Amino acid sequence: MFSKTRVTEPGPRTQPAPEPEAPRSHEPNFDVPPTAPAPRPRTAPSVLAADLTVTGNIRTQGDIQIEGTVEGDIRARLLTVGESATLRGEIVADEVVVNGRVVGRVRGLKVRLTATARVEGDIIHKTIAIESGAHFEGSVQRQEDPLANGATPKLAPPASKPSAQG
């Protein structure tokens, strides 16, 4: 059934001699297709435990799950606010799932407030879902690009009409 391989056999191991490198030319080789950069492997989200309190801003290009308390702004790809979590600050993420408490502005392409969510602040989104039972106090505004830097664009003041004198 099982057989020994050279790797597991005791004794000296010999490695094959390396092949000589071909001389390099300064001209591109069009016979070999260019290699695309390897996609970044998807990693597990970073988790801040329920007994952890963070004072300061958090920034990541990955996913983060908050179960504790954060007093500061958070920027991430996917942010999950756990049921036991409390966030005080601005959230900016591609996707935001709120199960706990958020006090501050939420900006995201996709925002979801679950039945256990408690949000006090404005939500700027591209798509939003609010489950029955969620508590929300603030305004909701849809934007094509809610992640754009800066605040909500201001409207131009109305043009003043020349007054009729004379």
C-alpha atoms as a PDB file:
ATOM      1  CA  MET A   1       0.000   0.000   0.000  1.00  0.00           C
ATOM      2  CA  PHE A   2       2.577   2.544   1.100  1.00  0.00           C
ATOM      3  CA  SER A   3       6.050   2.846  -0.277  1.00  0.00           C
ATOM      4  CA  LYS A   4       9.071   4.742   0.880  1.00  0.00           C
ATOM      5  CA  THR A   5      10.181   7.696  -1.115  1.00  0.00           C
ATOM      6  CA  ARG A   6      13.629   9.126  -1.438  1.00  0.00           C
ATOM      7  CA  VAL A   7      12.675  11.976   0.866  1.00  0.00           C
ATOM      8  CA  THR A   8      11.989   9.689   3.825  1.00  0.00           C
ATOM      9  CA  GLU A   9      14.891   7.302   3.249  1.00  0.00           C
ATOM     10  CA  PRO A  10      17.824   7.754   5.593  1.00  0.00           C
ATOM     11  CA  GLY A  11      21.214   8.603   4.247  1.00  0.00           C
ATOM     12  CA  PRO A  12      22.670  11.376   2.132  1.00  0.00           C
ATOM     13  CA  ARG A  13      20.353  13.020  -0.323  1.00  0.00           C
ATOM     14  CA  THR A  14      21.604  14.090  -3.674  1.00  0.00           C
ATOM     15  CA  GLN A  15      20.000  16.877  -5.616  1.00  0.00           C
ATOM     16  CA  PRO A  16      20.057  16.999  -9.376  1.00  0.00           C
ATOM     17  CA  ALA A  17      22.539  19.414 -10.852  1.00  0.00           C
ATOM     18  CA  PRO A  18      20.953  22.753 -11.760  1.00  0.00           C
ATOM     19  CA  GLU A  19      20.372  23.308 -15.430  1.00  0.00           C
ATOM     20  CA  PRO A  20      22.559  25.993 -16.943  1.00  0.00           C
ATOM     21  CA  GLU A  21      20.755  29.286 -17.480  1.00  0.00           C
ATOM     22  CA  ALA A  22      20.093  30.318 -21.027  1.00  0.00           C
ATOM     23  CA  PRO A  23      21.830  33.532 -22.001  1.00  0.00           C
ATOM     24  CA  ARG A  24      19.515  36.490 -21.438  1.00  0.00           C
ATOM     25  CA  SER A  25      18.635  38.686 -24.337  1.00  0.00           C
ATOM     26  CA  HIS A  26      17.625  42.317 -24.088  1.00  0.00           C
ATOM     27  CA  GLU A  27      14.842  41.686 -26.555  1.00  0.00           C
ATOM     28  CA  PRO A  28      11.422  40.609 -25.233  1.00  0.00           C
ATOM     29  CA  ASN A  29      10.340  37.050 -25.798  1.00  0.00           C
ATOM     30  CA  PHE A  30       6.910  37.195 -27.442  1.00  0.00           C
ATOM     31  CA  ASP A  31       6.527  33.407 -27.390  1.00  0.00           C
ATOM     32  CA  VAL A  32       5.912  33.423 -23.632  1.00  0.00           C
ATOM     33  CA  PRO A  33       2.676  35.088 -22.479  1.00  0.00           C
ATOM     34  CA  PRO A  34       3.122  37.741 -19.781  1.00  0.00           C
ATOM     35  CA  THR A  35       2.266  36.542 -16.315  1.00  0.00           C
ATOM     36  CA  ALA A  36      -0.458  38.369 -14.433  1.00  0.00           C
ATOM     37  CA  PRO A  37       0.200  39.254 -10.819  1.00  0.00           C
ATOM     38  CA  ALA A  38      -1.046  36.545  -8.514  1.00  0.00           C
ATOM     39  CA  PRO A  39      -4.329  37.451  -6.789  1.00  0.00           C
ATOM     40  CA  ARG A  40      -4.035  38.184  -3.081  1.00  0.00           C
ATOM     41  CA  PRO A  41      -5.194  35.197  -1.095  1.00  0.00           C
ATOM     42  CA  ARG A  42      -8.308  35.867   0.937  1.00  0.00           C
ATOM     43  CA  THR A  43      -7.436  35.850   4.602  1.00  0.00           C
ATOM     44  CA  ALA A  44      -9.589  35.511   7.682  1.00  0.00           C
ATOM     45  CA  PRO A  45     -10.853  38.785   9.167  1.00  0.00           C
ATOM     46  CA  SER A  46      -8.979  40.477  11.982  1.00  0.00           C
ATOM     47  CA  VAL A  47     -11.020  40.174  15.166  1.00  0.00           C
ATOM     48  CA  LEU A  48     -11.064  42.585  18.104  1.00  0.00           C
ATOM     49  CA  ALA A  49     -12.344  40.571  21.075  1.00  0.00           C
ATOM     50  CA  ALA A  50     -15.211  41.637  23.338  1.00  0.00           C
ATOM     51  CA  ASP A  51     -12.847  42.487  26.219  1.00  0.00           C
ATOM     52  CA  LEU A  52     -10.708  44.792  24.053  1.00  0.00           C
ATOM     53  CA  THR A  53     -11.030  48.596  23.992  1.00  0.00           C
ATOM     54  CA  VAL A  54      -9.256  50.554  21.249  1.00  0.00           C
ATOM     55  CA  THR A  55      -8.855  54.320  21.345  1.00  0.00           C
ATOM     56  CA  GLY A  56      -7.651  55.556  17.961  1.00  0.00           C
ATOM     57  CA  ASN A  57      -8.244  55.031  14.271  1.00  0.00           C
ATOM     58  CA  ILE A  58      -8.087  51.645  12.558  1.00  0.00           C
ATOM     59  CA  ARG A  59      -7.229  51.229   8.876  1.00  0.00           C
ATOM     60  CA  THR A  60      -6.960  47.980   6.909  1.00  0.00           C
ATOM     61  CA  GLN A  61      -7.346  46.839   3.314  1.00  0.00           C
ATOM     62  CA  GLY A  62      -8.812  43.578   4.575  1.00  0.00           C
ATOM     63  CA  ASP A  63     -11.763  42.500   6.672  1.00  0.00           C
ATOM     64  CA  ILE A  64     -12.270  43.271  10.338  1.00  0.00           C
ATOM     65  CA  GLN A  65     -14.743  42.076  12.940  1.00  0.00           C
ATOM     66  CA  ILE A  66     -15.275  44.192  16.045  1.00  0.00           C
ATOM     67  CA  GLU A  67     -16.660  42.589  19.201  1.00  0.00           C
ATOM     68  CA  GLY A  68     -15.236  45.097  21.721  1.00  0.00           C
ATOM     69  CA  THR A  69     -15.220  48.893  21.964  1.00  0.00           C
ATOM     70  CA  VAL A  70     -13.588  51.277  19.481  1.00  0.00           C
ATOM     71  CA  GLU A  71     -13.385  55.036  19.929  1.00  0.00           C
ATOM     72  CA  GLY A  72     -12.075  56.277  16.595  1.00  0.00           C
ATOM     73  CA  ASP A  73     -12.614  56.015  12.866  1.00  0.00           C
ATOM     74  CA  ILE A  74     -12.436  52.701  11.016  1.00  0.00           C
ATOM     75  CA  ARG A  75     -11.639  52.099   7.353  1.00  0.00           C
ATOM     76  CA  ALA A  76     -11.803  48.552   5.952  1.00  0.00           C
ATOM     77  CA  ARG A  77     -12.985  46.414   3.064  1.00  0.00           C
ATOM     78  CA  LEU A  78     -15.586  44.505   5.093  1.00  0.00           C
ATOM     79  CA  LEU A  79     -16.466  45.651   8.599  1.00  0.00           C
ATOM     80  CA  THR A  80     -18.643  43.504  10.831  1.00  0.00           C
ATOM     81  CA  VAL A  81     -19.829  45.081  14.073  1.00  0.00           C
ATOM     82  CA  GLY A  82     -20.639  42.281  16.512  1.00  0.00           C
ATOM     83  CA  GLU A  83     -23.647  42.286  18.855  1.00  0.00           C
ATOM     84  CA  SER A  84     -21.468  43.099  21.877  1.00  0.00           C
ATOM     85  CA  ALA A  85     -19.530  45.871  20.064  1.00  0.00           C
ATOM     86  CA  THR A  86     -19.738  49.644  20.478  1.00  0.00           C
ATOM     87  CA  LEU A  87     -18.134  51.980  17.919  1.00  0.00           C
ATOM     88  CA  ARG A  88     -17.866  55.745  18.371  1.00  0.00           C
ATOM     89  CA  GLY A  89     -16.541  57.322  15.190  1.00  0.00           C
ATOM     90  CA  GLU A  90     -16.870  57.259  11.421  1.00  0.00           C
ATOM     91  CA  ILE A  91     -16.998  53.991   9.506  1.00  0.00           C
ATOM     92  CA  VAL A  92     -15.850  53.824   5.882  1.00  0.00           C
ATOM     93  CA  ALA A  93     -15.951  50.398   4.215  1.00  0.00           C
ATOM     94  CA  ASP A  94     -16.947  48.668   1.003  1.00  0.00           C
ATOM     95  CA  GLU A  95     -19.362  46.561   3.028  1.00  0.00           C
ATOM     96  CA  VAL A  96     -20.669  47.229   6.539  1.00  0.00           C
ATOM     97  CA  VAL A  97     -22.715  44.780   8.614  1.00  0.00           C
ATOM     98  CA  VAL A  98     -23.947  46.201  11.927  1.00  0.00           C
ATOM     99  CA  ASN A  99     -25.153  43.828  14.631  1.00  0.00           C
ATOM    100  CA  GLY A 100     -24.159  46.041  17.588  1.00  0.00           C
ATOM    101  CA  ARG A 101     -24.011  49.752  18.443  1.00  0.00           C
ATOM    102  CA  VAL A 102     -22.556  52.521  16.265  1.00  0.00           C
ATOM    103  CA  VAL A 103     -22.480  56.196  17.236  1.00  0.00           C
ATOM    104  CA  GLY A 104     -21.246  58.157  14.215  1.00  0.00           C
ATOM    105  CA  ARG A 105     -21.448  58.336  10.451  1.00  0.00           C
ATOM    106  CA  VAL A 106     -21.447  55.169   8.343  1.00  0.00           C
ATOM    107  CA  ARG A 107     -20.255  55.300   4.710  1.00  0.00           C
ATOM    108  CA  GLY A 108     -20.345  52.137   2.625  1.00  0.00           C
ATOM    109  CA  LEU A 109     -21.161  50.683  -0.760  1.00  0.00           C
ATOM    110  CA  LYS A 110     -23.322  48.037   0.950  1.00  0.00           C
ATOM    111  CA  VAL A 111     -24.686  48.728   4.426  1.00  0.00           C
ATOM    112  CA  ARG A 112     -26.760  46.213   6.373  1.00  0.00           C
ATOM    113  CA  LEU A 113     -28.368  46.804   9.754  1.00  0.00           C
ATOM    114  CA  THR A 114     -29.487  43.551  11.350  1.00  0.00           C
ATOM    115  CA  ALA A 115     -32.329  43.216  13.830  1.00  0.00           C
ATOM    116  CA  THR A 116     -29.928  43.760  16.772  1.00  0.00           C
ATOM    117  CA  ALA A 117     -28.301  46.925  15.317  1.00  0.00           C
ATOM    118  CA  ARG A 118     -28.369  50.259  17.155  1.00  0.00           C
ATOM    119  CA  VAL A 119     -27.124  53.151  14.988  1.00  0.00           C
ATOM    120  CA  GLU A 120     -27.061  56.822  15.975  1.00  0.00           C
ATOM    121  CA  GLY A 121     -25.739  58.794  13.028  1.00  0.00           C
ATOM    122  CA  ASP A 122     -26.055  59.366   9.316  1.00  0.00           C
ATOM    123  CA  ILE A 123     -25.681  56.587   6.767  1.00  0.00           C
ATOM    124  CA  ILE A 124     -24.324  57.303   3.285  1.00  0.00           C
ATOM    125  CA  HIS A 125     -24.631  54.249   1.049  1.00  0.00           C
ATOM    126  CA  LYS A 126     -25.005  52.853  -2.436  1.00  0.00           C
ATOM    127  CA  THR A 127     -27.273  50.013  -1.262  1.00  0.00           C
ATOM    128  CA  ILE A 128     -28.813  49.521   2.167  1.00  0.00           C
ATOM    129  CA  ALA A 129     -30.789  46.866   3.994  1.00  0.00           C
ATOM    130  CA  ILE A 130     -32.430  47.456   7.364  1.00  0.00           C
ATOM    131  CA  GLU A 131     -33.928  44.428   9.074  1.00  0.00           C
ATOM    132  CA  SER A 132     -37.065  44.623  11.163  1.00  0.00           C
ATOM    133  CA  GLY A 133     -36.139  45.388  14.765  1.00  0.00           C
ATOM    134  CA  ALA A 134     -33.064  47.511  13.980  1.00  0.00           C
ATOM    135  CA  HIS A 135     -32.900  50.842  15.848  1.00  0.00           C
ATOM    136  CA  PHE A 136     -31.745  53.768  13.721  1.00  0.00           C
ATOM    137  CA  GLU A 137     -31.652  57.503  14.452  1.00  0.00           C
ATOM    138  CA  GLY A 138     -30.217  59.706  11.729  1.00  0.00           C
ATOM    139  CA  SER A 139     -30.515  60.360   8.034  1.00  0.00           C
ATOM    140  CA  VAL A 140     -29.985  58.044   5.105  1.00  0.00           C
ATOM    141  CA  GLN A 141     -28.534  59.277   1.821  1.00  0.00           C
ATOM    142  CA  ARG A 142     -27.815  57.284  -1.326  1.00  0.00           C
ATOM    143  CA  GLN A 143     -24.709  58.175  -3.358  1.00  0.00           C
ATOM    144  CA  GLU A 144     -23.080  56.489  -6.333  1.00  0.00           C
ATOM    145  CA  ASP A 145     -19.680  56.664  -4.599  1.00  0.00           C
ATOM    146  CA  PRO A 146     -20.164  56.938  -0.832  1.00  0.00           C
ATOM    147  CA  LEU A 147     -16.487  56.115  -0.240  1.00  0.00           C
ATOM    148  CA  ALA A 148     -15.224  59.260  -1.967  1.00  0.00           C
ATOM    149  CA  ASN A 149     -13.066  61.373   0.292  1.00  0.00           C
ATOM    150  CA  GLY A 150     -14.663  64.354   1.880  1.00  0.00           C
ATOM    151  CA  ALA A 151     -18.130  65.001   3.106  1.00  0.00           C
ATOM    152  CA  THR A 152     -21.418  65.035   1.273  1.00  0.00           C
ATOM    153  CA  PRO A 153     -21.183  67.371  -1.736  1.00  0.00           C
ATOM    154  CA  LYS A 154     -22.700  70.761  -1.073  1.00  0.00           C
ATOM    155  CA  LEU A 155     -25.237  72.269  -3.444  1.00  0.00           C
ATOM    156  CA  ALA A 156     -24.453  75.600  -5.048  1.00  0.00           C
ATOM    157  CA  PRO A 157     -26.263  78.530  -3.414  1.00  0.00           C
ATOM    158  CA  PRO A 158     -29.263  79.824  -5.355  1.00  0.00           C
ATOM    159  CA  ALA A 159     -28.449  82.553  -7.843  1.00  0.00           C
ATOM    160  CA  SER A 160     -29.464  85.965  -6.592  1.00  0.00           C
ATOM    161  CA  LYS A 161     -31.900  87.921  -8.717  1.00  0.00           C
ATOM    162  CA  PRO A 162     -31.047  91.520  -9.534  1.00  0.00           C
ATOM    163  CA  SER A 163     -33.264  93.799  -7.528  1.00  0.00           C
ATOM    164  CA  ALA A 164     -35.594  96.090  -9.427  1.00  0.00           C
ATOM    165  CA  GLN A 165     -34.755  99.633  -8.473  1.00  0.00           C
ATOM    166  CA  GLY A 166     -35.893 102.722 -10.066  1.00  0.00           C
END
